[in-house]
Amino acid sequence: MEFKKNEIREIKIEDMSVEGMGIGKVNGFAFFVAGTAPGDVIKMRIVKLKKNYGYGITEEIISPSPLRTEPKCPVYKRCGGCNLQHLTYEAQLNLKQRTVKNNLTRIGGLPESIQVNSPVGSEKPFRYRNKGQYPIGCIKGKTAAGFYAQRSHNLIPLTDCLINQPSDSLILKTITDFMDEKNIPSYNEETGTGTVRHILIRTAVKTGEIMVCIVINSEDLPEKTALIPLLKEIPGITTALLNINKKKTNVILGEKCKILFGRGYITDYIVSLKFKISPLSFFQVNPTQTEKLYQTVLDFAALKGTETVFDLYCGIGTISLFLAQKAKTVCGIEIVPQAIKDAKENAKENGITNAHFYTGAAETVCPALLKEVPRPDIVVVDPPRKGCDPALISTLAAVAPEKIIYVSCNPSTLARDLAGLSNLYTPEKITPVDMFSQTTGIETVVLLSRKI
């Protein structure tokens, strides 16, 4: 091999990977370089070599790409969470459109001629998240909140994340200062000892309500009565909780919560619908873009008021309740019992009586439901990143609705699932929605029509 580790080479970046790394070639050999943009000419230090490709880091930018912009975050390179912050917003959207199309053609087997619409962009590409999850650690004897560096659990202290809410900073400082004053130790992943693991902050953008949830490695938080008034003084906080997680795991939240004060939940609106949000509830993290996402679903559904709709992986019923305003009947199915309980309460809160919710795996509940309700005209699926269970793909084929609307947060599993439905369904419309600005994450809505 003509290359050596730590060798400096000049390279021009010509493309980007789905992970947001720049790609260039030296004498036909491909290198991946994080934090670069197509058009950059750089001096690269080679850090890793594989048989057919390698990895490099930027030593010097010789000629910057016109797609490049100056990252706003002071720890952008160390954190790696917002791995597209060095790109102009237009370049981010173009990359995401290409990512969706490449996955659909290479994994899903769709033709190169398939049309992927331009992503629905955001007017607010910073400060858009309503949920912040901050690991807690100890650095030089002081309690610190922040984020883990990419592909590691090395804590980077940071109280002000520019895609989260500005109020998070004061909340984190209040809790970490309290921990230092009361000698409350942070959790140590290696030993499984220590008390405070994470701080979860959820902010209802339209109501202004803030929830603080402290994840602890014990049944209770020492000196909690001294913390409560400190949190109550912070504008916006309406409730605080403890979440108990004593397992040696990377999973952030445990199953049990204790209320410190307030109702134990906050409320927020998506358009005119009101939702109750608890620490364990799934709720889209970008409220402004969520409205655009759900509007896209409604547009694709083209409801006339006579339809029966099944909403699979319905969560707390957000999409179900939007559809119920236009459809005759909506049946939401979700495997998490608490989510179904919340969905029923949300339906009641909004005065919606034609949305019905069922607990269980969609591939099991769907066939059973067909004995009670008409075959659905439309099925909406909004699965987690791993995509639909293979058994559900078979169930969808058997149920055979006229339309399937697939809402995906992972283009690769979306492509796989569309391939599984390709004998029976044709993609008619594909629209990405940028829910996660500054990152490679992209939500995609696909309208599938049954073949005659």
Protein backbone atom coordinates (compact mmCIF):
# COMPACT_ATOMS: atom_id res chain seq x y z
CA MET A 1 0.00 0.00 0.00
CA GLU A 2 1.36 3.40 -0.95
CA PHE A 3 -0.16 5.19 2.07
CA LYS A 4 1.01 5.28 5.68
CA LYS A 5 -0.72 6.27 8.91
CA ASN A 6 -0.02 9.91 9.96
CA GLU A 7 1.11 10.75 6.44
CA ILE A 8 -0.04 14.16 5.15
CA ARG A 9 -1.71 14.20 1.73
CA GLU A 10 -3.52 16.84 -0.30
CA ILE A 11 -7.05 15.81 -1.29
CA LYS A 12 -10.11 17.35 -2.91
CA ILE A 13 -13.46 16.44 -1.35
CA GLU A 14 -15.91 15.46 -4.07
CA ASP A 15 -18.90 13.89 -2.29
CA MET A 16 -20.39 13.13 1.14
CA SER A 17 -21.39 9.90 2.85
CA VAL A 18 -24.78 9.31 4.48
CA GLU A 19 -23.00 9.80 7.84
CA GLY A 20 -22.00 13.32 6.74
CA MET A 21 -18.31 12.64 6.10
CA GLY A 22 -16.57 14.17 3.11
CA ILE A 23 -15.29 11.73 0.49
CA GLY A 24 -12.28 12.28 -1.75
CA LYS A 25 -9.72 10.18 -3.60
CA VAL A 26 -5.93 10.16 -3.77
CA ASN A 27 -4.64 8.18 -6.75
CA GLY A 28 -8.03 6.44 -6.93
CA PHE A 29 -8.00 5.44 -3.22
CA ALA A 30 -11.01 6.74 -1.25
CA PHE A 31 -10.72 8.62 2.03
CA PHE A 32 -13.46 9.74 4.44
CA VAL A 33 -12.84 13.03 6.27
CA ALA A 34 -15.28 14.39 8.86
CA GLY A 35 -16.08 18.11 8.88
CA THR A 36 -15.40 18.65 5.18
CA ALA A 37 -17.61 19.74 2.30
CA PRO A 38 -17.69 18.88 -1.41
CA GLY A 39 -15.31 21.31 -3.13
CA ASP A 40 -12.89 21.60 -0.18
CA VAL A 41 -9.21 21.18 -1.02
CA ILE A 42 -7.39 20.21 2.17
CA LYS A 43 -4.23 18.81 3.65
CA MET A 44 -5.31 15.56 5.31
CA ARG A 45 -3.57 13.49 7.97
CA ILE A 46 -4.25 9.78 7.44
CA VAL A 47 -5.48 8.26 10.72
CA LYS A 48 -6.78 4.84 9.64
CA LEU A 49 -6.29 2.59 6.64
CA LYS A 50 -8.51 -0.26 5.46
CA LYS A 51 -8.08 -2.51 2.44
CA ASN A 52 -10.13 -0.37 0.05
CA TYR A 53 -10.50 2.96 1.84
CA GLY A 54 -9.14 5.09 4.65
CA TYR A 55 -9.98 7.86 7.13
CA GLY A 56 -8.32 11.22 7.53
CA ILE A 57 -8.55 14.40 9.58
CA THR A 58 -8.13 17.93 8.30
CA GLU A 59 -4.76 19.51 8.98
CA GLU A 60 -5.30 22.59 6.81
CA ILE A 61 -7.98 23.92 4.47
CA ILE A 62 -6.14 25.00 1.34
CA SER A 63 -9.23 26.12 -0.59
CA PRO A 64 -12.65 26.16 1.13
CA SER A 65 -15.79 24.93 -0.60
CA PRO A 66 -18.56 27.46 -1.40
CA LEU A 67 -20.84 25.06 0.50
CA ARG A 68 -18.92 25.68 3.73
CA THR A 69 -19.96 27.97 6.57
CA GLU A 70 -18.47 28.72 9.98
CA PRO A 71 -19.94 26.47 12.70
CA LYS A 72 -21.59 28.44 15.53
CA CYS A 73 -20.96 25.91 18.30
CA PRO A 74 -17.63 26.26 20.18
CA VAL A 75 -17.31 22.47 20.65
CA TYR A 76 -18.61 21.50 17.21
CA LYS A 77 -15.58 19.41 16.26
CA ARG A 78 -15.22 17.68 19.63
CA CYS A 79 -18.91 16.89 20.10
CA GLY A 80 -19.83 15.70 16.63
CA GLY A 81 -23.55 15.68 17.36
CA CYS A 82 -24.34 18.42 14.83
CA ASN A 83 -22.11 16.91 12.18
CA LEU A 84 -23.40 19.12 9.33
CA GLN A 85 -23.04 22.48 11.05
CA HIS A 86 -20.11 23.36 8.76
CA LEU A 87 -22.43 23.24 5.71
CA THR A 88 -24.77 25.97 4.52
CA TYR A 89 -28.40 25.07 5.21
CA GLU A 90 -29.13 24.70 1.49
CA ALA A 91 -26.25 22.24 1.18
CA GLN A 92 -27.61 20.27 4.16
CA LEU A 93 -31.00 19.93 2.47
CA ASN A 94 -29.46 18.88 -0.84
CA LEU A 95 -27.39 16.21 0.94
CA LYS A 96 -30.47 14.82 2.68
CA GLN A 97 -32.43 14.66 -0.57
CA ARG A 98 -29.56 12.70 -2.19
CA THR A 99 -29.31 10.43 0.85
CA VAL A 100 -32.97 9.44 0.62
CA LYS A 101 -32.77 8.81 -3.13
CA ASN A 102 -29.53 6.82 -2.88
CA ASN A 103 -31.01 4.56 -0.20
CA LEU A 104 -34.20 3.99 -2.16
CA THR A 105 -32.35 3.07 -5.34
CA ARG A 106 -29.43 1.09 -3.88
CA ILE A 107 -31.23 -0.71 -1.04
CA GLY A 108 -34.86 -0.53 -2.13
CA GLY A 109 -34.23 -1.31 -5.79
CA LEU A 110 -36.30 1.64 -7.02
CA PRO A 111 -35.36 3.00 -10.46
CA GLU A 112 -32.90 5.88 -10.79
CA SER A 113 -35.74 7.88 -12.33
CA ILE A 114 -37.68 7.88 -9.03
CA GLN A 115 -38.55 11.43 -8.00
CA VAL A 116 -37.67 12.49 -4.45
CA ASN A 117 -39.13 15.91 -3.70
CA SER A 118 -37.02 18.70 -2.26
CA PRO A 119 -36.98 18.47 1.54
CA VAL A 120 -39.43 20.59 3.50
CA GLY A 121 -36.95 22.96 5.13
CA SER A 122 -37.07 24.77 8.46
CA GLU A 123 -37.22 28.51 9.09
CA LYS A 124 -35.53 27.77 12.43
CA PRO A 125 -32.47 25.52 11.90
CA PHE A 126 -31.15 26.35 15.41
CA ARG A 127 -32.89 26.29 18.83
CA TYR A 128 -35.55 23.95 17.46
CA ARG A 129 -35.45 20.98 19.86
CA ASN A 130 -37.99 20.69 22.67
CA LYS A 131 -36.04 17.92 24.42
CA GLY A 132 -32.51 17.86 25.79
CA GLN A 133 -30.86 14.78 27.34
CA TYR A 134 -27.61 15.60 29.12
CA PRO A 135 -25.26 13.03 30.66
CA ILE A 136 -23.71 14.05 33.97
CA GLY A 137 -20.10 13.42 34.96
CA CYS A 138 -17.17 14.70 36.99
CA ILE A 139 -14.34 16.69 35.38
CA LYS A 140 -11.43 17.93 37.51
CA GLY A 141 -13.45 17.44 40.69
CA LYS A 142 -16.46 19.43 39.47
CA THR A 143 -19.85 18.13 38.35
CA ALA A 144 -20.42 18.73 34.64
CA ALA A 145 -23.26 18.35 32.17
CA GLY A 146 -22.75 18.01 28.45
CA PHE A 147 -22.65 15.46 25.68
CA TYR A 148 -20.58 12.44 24.82
CA ALA A 149 -18.02 12.87 22.07
CA GLN A 150 -18.95 11.02 18.90
CA ARG A 151 -18.50 7.24 19.13
CA SER A 152 -17.32 7.47 22.75
CA HIS A 153 -18.52 8.10 26.28
CA ASN A 154 -16.02 10.87 26.93
CA LEU A 155 -18.02 13.75 28.38
CA ILE A 156 -17.65 17.16 26.73
CA PRO A 157 -18.92 19.82 29.18
CA LEU A 158 -21.46 22.10 27.54
CA THR A 159 -24.42 23.81 29.12
CA ASP A 160 -25.66 25.70 26.04
CA CYS A 161 -26.42 23.45 23.06
CA LEU A 162 -27.42 25.63 20.11
CA ILE A 163 -30.11 23.26 18.82
CA ASN A 164 -31.70 22.99 22.27
CA GLN A 165 -33.55 25.64 24.26
CA PRO A 166 -31.57 28.52 25.89
CA SER A 167 -33.33 27.90 29.23
CA ASP A 168 -31.52 24.53 29.52
CA SER A 169 -28.30 26.34 30.53
CA LEU A 170 -29.65 27.77 33.78
CA ILE A 171 -31.36 24.50 34.69
CA LEU A 172 -28.17 22.47 34.20
CA LYS A 173 -26.05 24.95 36.15
CA THR A 174 -28.56 24.99 39.01
CA ILE A 175 -28.53 21.20 39.34
CA THR A 176 -24.77 20.70 38.91
CA ASP A 177 -23.98 23.50 41.43
CA PHE A 178 -26.45 21.88 43.85
CA MET A 179 -24.72 18.51 43.43
CA ASP A 180 -21.32 20.03 44.20
CA GLU A 181 -22.65 21.90 47.23
CA LYS A 182 -24.35 18.79 48.64
CA ASN A 183 -21.57 16.38 47.61
CA ILE A 184 -23.90 14.29 45.47
CA PRO A 185 -21.76 12.20 43.11
CA SER A 186 -22.41 11.75 39.42
CA TYR A 187 -22.82 8.25 38.01
CA ASN A 188 -19.71 6.32 36.98
CA GLU A 189 -20.41 4.02 34.04
CA GLU A 190 -17.41 1.79 34.69
CA THR A 191 -18.09 1.08 38.36
CA GLY A 192 -21.88 1.48 38.35
CA THR A 193 -21.61 3.79 41.38
CA GLY A 194 -22.72 7.39 41.89
CA THR A 195 -26.16 8.96 41.92
CA VAL A 196 -27.10 11.32 39.08
CA ARG A 197 -26.86 9.84 35.57
CA HIS A 198 -28.67 12.25 33.22
CA ILE A 199 -30.82 15.36 33.22
CA LEU A 200 -33.76 15.34 30.83
CA ILE A 201 -35.40 18.68 30.01
CA ARG A 202 -38.59 18.93 27.95
CA THR A 203 -39.94 22.32 26.89
CA ALA A 204 -43.45 22.92 25.57
CA VAL A 205 -42.79 25.60 22.97
CA LYS A 206 -46.37 26.90 22.68
CA THR A 207 -47.39 26.80 26.36
CA GLY A 208 -43.96 27.67 27.78
CA GLU A 209 -44.12 24.81 30.31
CA ILE A 210 -40.83 23.12 31.21
CA MET A 211 -40.33 19.66 32.72
CA VAL A 212 -37.10 18.65 34.47
CA CYS A 213 -36.41 14.97 35.00
CA ILE A 214 -33.32 13.87 36.94
CA VAL A 215 -32.27 10.29 36.18
CA ILE A 216 -30.75 8.66 39.27
CA ASN A 217 -29.01 5.41 40.13
CA SER A 218 -30.93 5.03 43.39
CA GLU A 219 -34.44 5.06 44.83
CA ASP A 220 -34.22 8.70 45.89
CA LEU A 221 -32.15 11.86 45.55
CA PRO A 222 -30.33 13.07 48.68
CA GLU A 223 -31.22 16.60 49.83
CA LYS A 224 -34.04 16.78 47.28
CA THR A 225 -36.07 19.14 49.49
CA ALA A 226 -33.28 21.71 49.10
CA LEU A 227 -33.33 21.38 45.29
CA ILE A 228 -37.08 21.84 44.83
CA PRO A 229 -37.23 25.58 45.65
CA LEU A 230 -34.19 26.22 43.44
CA LEU A 231 -35.97 24.66 40.46
CA LYS A 232 -39.25 26.42 41.22
CA GLU A 233 -37.47 29.77 40.96
CA ILE A 234 -36.52 29.14 37.33
CA PRO A 235 -39.08 30.69 34.95
CA GLY A 236 -41.15 28.17 33.05
CA ILE A 237 -40.55 25.06 35.16
CA THR A 238 -43.96 23.64 36.11
CA THR A 239 -42.96 20.13 37.11
CA ALA A 240 -39.91 18.11 38.15
CA LEU A 241 -39.44 14.39 38.55
CA LEU A 242 -36.93 11.73 39.47
CA ASN A 243 -36.51 8.79 37.10
CA ILE A 244 -35.12 5.61 38.66
CA ASN A 245 -32.59 3.72 36.55
CA LYS A 246 -30.34 1.38 38.55
CA LYS A 247 -29.42 -0.88 35.65
CA LYS A 248 -25.90 -0.94 34.23
CA THR A 249 -27.04 0.04 30.76
CA ASN A 250 -26.72 2.69 28.08
CA VAL A 251 -30.51 3.16 28.12
CA ILE A 252 -31.12 6.61 29.58
CA LEU A 253 -34.52 6.30 31.26
CA GLY A 254 -35.78 3.69 33.69
CA GLU A 255 -39.42 2.63 33.90
CA LYS A 256 -40.25 4.26 37.26
CA CYS A 257 -40.74 7.98 37.97
CA LYS A 258 -41.34 9.95 41.17
CA ILE A 259 -42.84 13.44 41.08
CA LEU A 260 -40.90 16.10 42.99
CA PHE A 261 -43.52 18.79 42.31
CA GLY A 262 -46.16 19.68 39.75
CA ARG A 263 -48.35 17.34 37.70
CA GLY A 264 -45.62 15.08 36.38
CA TYR A 265 -46.27 16.13 32.79
CA ILE A 266 -46.43 19.20 30.57
CA THR A 267 -48.86 20.07 27.79
CA ASP A 268 -48.19 21.43 24.34
CA TYR A 269 -50.05 22.00 21.08
CA ILE A 270 -49.48 20.83 17.54
CA VAL A 271 -51.61 23.21 15.48
CA SER A 272 -54.89 23.17 17.47
CA LEU A 273 -54.50 19.78 19.17
CA LYS A 274 -53.39 19.59 22.79
CA PHE A 275 -51.08 16.82 24.02
CA LYS A 276 -49.95 15.63 27.42
CA ILE A 277 -46.20 14.88 27.51
CA SER A 278 -44.65 12.77 30.27
CA PRO A 279 -40.95 11.86 30.66
CA LEU A 280 -41.43 8.52 28.91
CA SER A 281 -43.73 9.78 26.14
CA PHE A 282 -42.56 9.84 22.55
CA PHE A 283 -43.15 13.32 21.16
CA GLN A 284 -41.44 14.74 18.08
CA VAL A 285 -38.49 16.93 19.11
CA ASN A 286 -39.04 19.67 16.51
CA PRO A 287 -42.53 21.11 17.05
CA THR A 288 -42.48 23.55 14.12
CA GLN A 289 -41.43 20.92 11.61
CA THR A 290 -43.79 18.38 13.16
CA GLU A 291 -46.72 20.49 11.98
CA LYS A 292 -45.30 20.37 8.44
CA LEU A 293 -44.67 16.63 8.73
CA TYR A 294 -48.25 15.90 9.80
CA GLN A 295 -49.64 18.24 7.15
CA THR A 296 -47.71 16.24 4.56
CA VAL A 297 -49.32 13.05 5.89
CA LEU A 298 -52.76 14.67 5.66
CA ASP A 299 -52.09 15.90 2.13
CA PHE A 300 -51.02 12.42 1.02
CA ALA A 301 -54.07 10.84 2.67
CA ALA A 302 -56.48 13.19 0.81
CA LEU A 303 -59.28 12.23 3.20
CA LYS A 304 -62.91 12.82 2.24
CA GLY A 305 -64.55 11.85 5.53
CA THR A 306 -65.63 8.31 4.62
CA GLU A 307 -62.37 6.46 5.25
CA THR A 308 -61.27 3.96 7.86
CA VAL A 309 -57.61 4.53 8.75
CA PHE A 310 -55.20 2.34 10.72
CA ASP A 311 -52.30 4.20 12.38
CA LEU A 312 -49.58 1.72 13.32
CA TYR A 313 -46.85 2.54 15.85
CA CYS A 314 -49.21 5.35 16.89
CA GLY A 315 -47.40 6.35 20.09
CA ILE A 316 -49.44 8.85 22.11
CA GLY A 317 -51.82 9.33 19.20
CA THR A 318 -50.43 12.47 17.56
CA ILE A 319 -50.90 11.41 13.92
CA SER A 320 -54.09 9.48 14.77
CA LEU A 321 -55.81 12.57 16.14
CA PHE A 322 -54.80 14.65 13.11
CA LEU A 323 -56.27 12.03 10.79
CA ALA A 324 -59.41 11.67 12.91
CA GLN A 325 -60.34 15.29 12.15
CA LYS A 326 -60.81 14.34 8.48
CA ALA A 327 -61.52 10.57 8.47
CA LYS A 328 -64.59 8.58 9.48
CA THR A 329 -62.72 6.24 11.86
CA VAL A 330 -59.10 5.95 12.99
CA CYS A 331 -57.67 2.93 14.81
CA GLY A 332 -54.32 3.54 16.50
CA ILE A 333 -52.14 0.58 17.47
CA GLU A 334 -49.09 0.72 19.73
CA ILE A 335 -47.21 -1.93 21.73
CA VAL A 336 -46.42 0.38 24.69
CA PRO A 337 -49.35 0.38 27.18
CA GLN A 338 -48.53 3.79 28.69
CA ALA A 339 -48.51 5.37 25.23
CA ILE A 340 -51.98 3.98 24.51
CA LYS A 341 -53.21 5.30 27.87
CA ASP A 342 -51.85 8.74 26.93
CA ALA A 343 -53.40 8.49 23.45
CA LYS A 344 -56.85 7.84 24.91
CA GLU A 345 -56.46 10.77 27.30
CA ASN A 346 -55.30 13.02 24.45
CA ALA A 347 -58.35 12.04 22.38
CA LYS A 348 -60.62 12.85 25.31
CA GLU A 349 -58.82 16.15 25.98
CA ASN A 350 -59.40 17.22 22.37
CA GLY A 351 -63.01 16.02 22.19
CA ILE A 352 -62.23 13.45 19.46
CA THR A 353 -64.53 10.44 19.59
CA ASN A 354 -63.80 8.67 16.31
CA ALA A 355 -60.21 7.65 17.23
CA HIS A 356 -59.87 4.30 18.99
CA PHE A 357 -56.65 2.90 20.44
CA TYR A 358 -55.42 -0.65 20.91
CA THR A 359 -52.43 -2.09 22.76
CA GLY A 360 -50.28 -4.75 21.13
CA ALA A 361 -47.99 -5.59 18.25
CA ALA A 362 -49.43 -4.21 15.01
CA GLU A 363 -48.93 -7.48 13.13
CA THR A 364 -51.11 -9.22 15.74
CA VAL A 365 -53.73 -6.54 16.41
CA CYS A 366 -54.40 -5.68 12.74
CA PRO A 367 -55.86 -9.10 11.73
CA ALA A 368 -57.94 -9.23 14.90
CA LEU A 369 -59.32 -5.74 14.27
CA LEU A 370 -60.57 -6.73 10.83
CA LYS A 371 -63.20 -8.88 12.56
CA GLU A 372 -64.63 -5.73 14.18
CA VAL A 373 -64.06 -2.89 11.70
CA PRO A 374 -64.00 -2.56 7.91
CA ARG A 375 -60.77 -3.16 6.01
CA PRO A 376 -58.84 0.13 6.21
CA ASP A 377 -58.72 2.37 3.18
CA ILE A 378 -55.41 3.83 4.41
CA VAL A 379 -52.71 2.50 6.71
CA VAL A 380 -50.15 4.88 8.22
CA VAL A 381 -46.94 3.39 9.62
CA ASP A 382 -44.47 5.43 11.69
CA PRO A 383 -41.97 2.87 13.01
CA PRO A 384 -38.78 3.40 15.05
CA ARG A 385 -35.36 3.53 13.37
CA LYS A 386 -35.22 -0.25 12.92
CA GLY A 387 -38.24 -0.03 10.61
CA CYS A 388 -41.23 -2.35 10.43
CA ASP A 389 -41.16 -5.84 11.85
CA PRO A 390 -40.94 -8.33 8.92
CA ALA A 391 -44.20 -9.88 10.12
CA LEU A 392 -45.89 -6.51 9.74
CA ILE A 393 -44.82 -6.23 6.10
CA SER A 394 -46.61 -9.54 5.48
CA THR A 395 -49.63 -8.29 7.43
CA LEU A 396 -49.80 -5.10 5.36
CA ALA A 397 -49.76 -7.17 2.18
CA ALA A 398 -52.64 -9.29 3.53
CA VAL A 399 -54.69 -6.29 4.73
CA ALA A 400 -54.12 -4.65 1.31
CA PRO A 401 -55.32 -1.06 1.90
CA GLU A 402 -55.62 1.24 -1.10
CA LYS A 403 -52.91 3.50 0.32
CA ILE A 404 -50.01 3.11 2.73
CA ILE A 405 -48.37 6.25 4.10
CA TYR A 406 -44.96 5.41 5.50
CA VAL A 407 -43.36 7.94 7.86
CA SER A 408 -39.69 7.09 8.33
CA CYS A 409 -36.79 8.44 10.40
CA ASN A 410 -34.27 6.09 8.76
CA PRO A 411 -33.85 6.07 4.95
CA SER A 412 -32.11 2.66 4.91
CA THR A 413 -34.85 0.74 6.76
CA LEU A 414 -37.44 2.68 4.75
CA ALA A 415 -35.80 1.43 1.56
CA ARG A 416 -35.72 -2.15 2.87
CA ASP A 417 -39.41 -2.08 3.80
CA LEU A 418 -40.46 -0.53 0.47
CA ALA A 419 -38.60 -3.34 -1.27
CA GLY A 420 -40.67 -5.80 0.76
CA LEU A 421 -43.88 -4.17 -0.45
CA SER A 422 -42.80 -3.59 -4.05
CA ASN A 423 -44.81 -6.47 -5.52
CA LEU A 424 -48.05 -4.90 -4.34
CA TYR A 425 -47.40 -1.17 -3.92
CA THR A 426 -45.93 1.65 -5.99
CA PRO A 427 -44.35 4.76 -4.42
CA GLU A 428 -46.32 7.73 -5.73
CA LYS A 429 -44.88 10.60 -3.68
CA ILE A 430 -41.70 10.88 -1.60
CA THR A 431 -41.15 14.00 0.52
CA PRO A 432 -38.33 14.40 3.06
CA VAL A 433 -38.97 16.75 5.99
CA ASP A 434 -35.99 18.28 7.77
CA MET A 435 -36.77 17.60 11.42
CA PHE A 436 -33.13 17.49 12.56
CA SER A 437 -31.25 20.50 11.16
CA GLN A 438 -27.44 20.53 11.53
CA THR A 439 -27.42 16.70 11.66
CA THR A 440 -27.69 13.96 9.04
CA GLY A 441 -31.08 12.87 10.43
CA ILE A 442 -34.02 13.13 8.02
CA GLU A 443 -37.70 12.22 8.22
CA THR A 444 -39.38 11.02 5.03
CA VAL A 445 -43.05 10.61 4.12
CA VAL A 446 -43.89 8.17 1.31
CA LEU A 447 -47.28 7.63 -0.32
CA LEU A 448 -47.70 4.06 -1.60
CA SER A 449 -50.58 3.12 -3.88
CA ARG A 450 -51.81 -0.45 -4.34
CA LYS A 451 -51.14 -1.91 -7.75
CA ILE A 452 -54.23 -2.95 -9.69
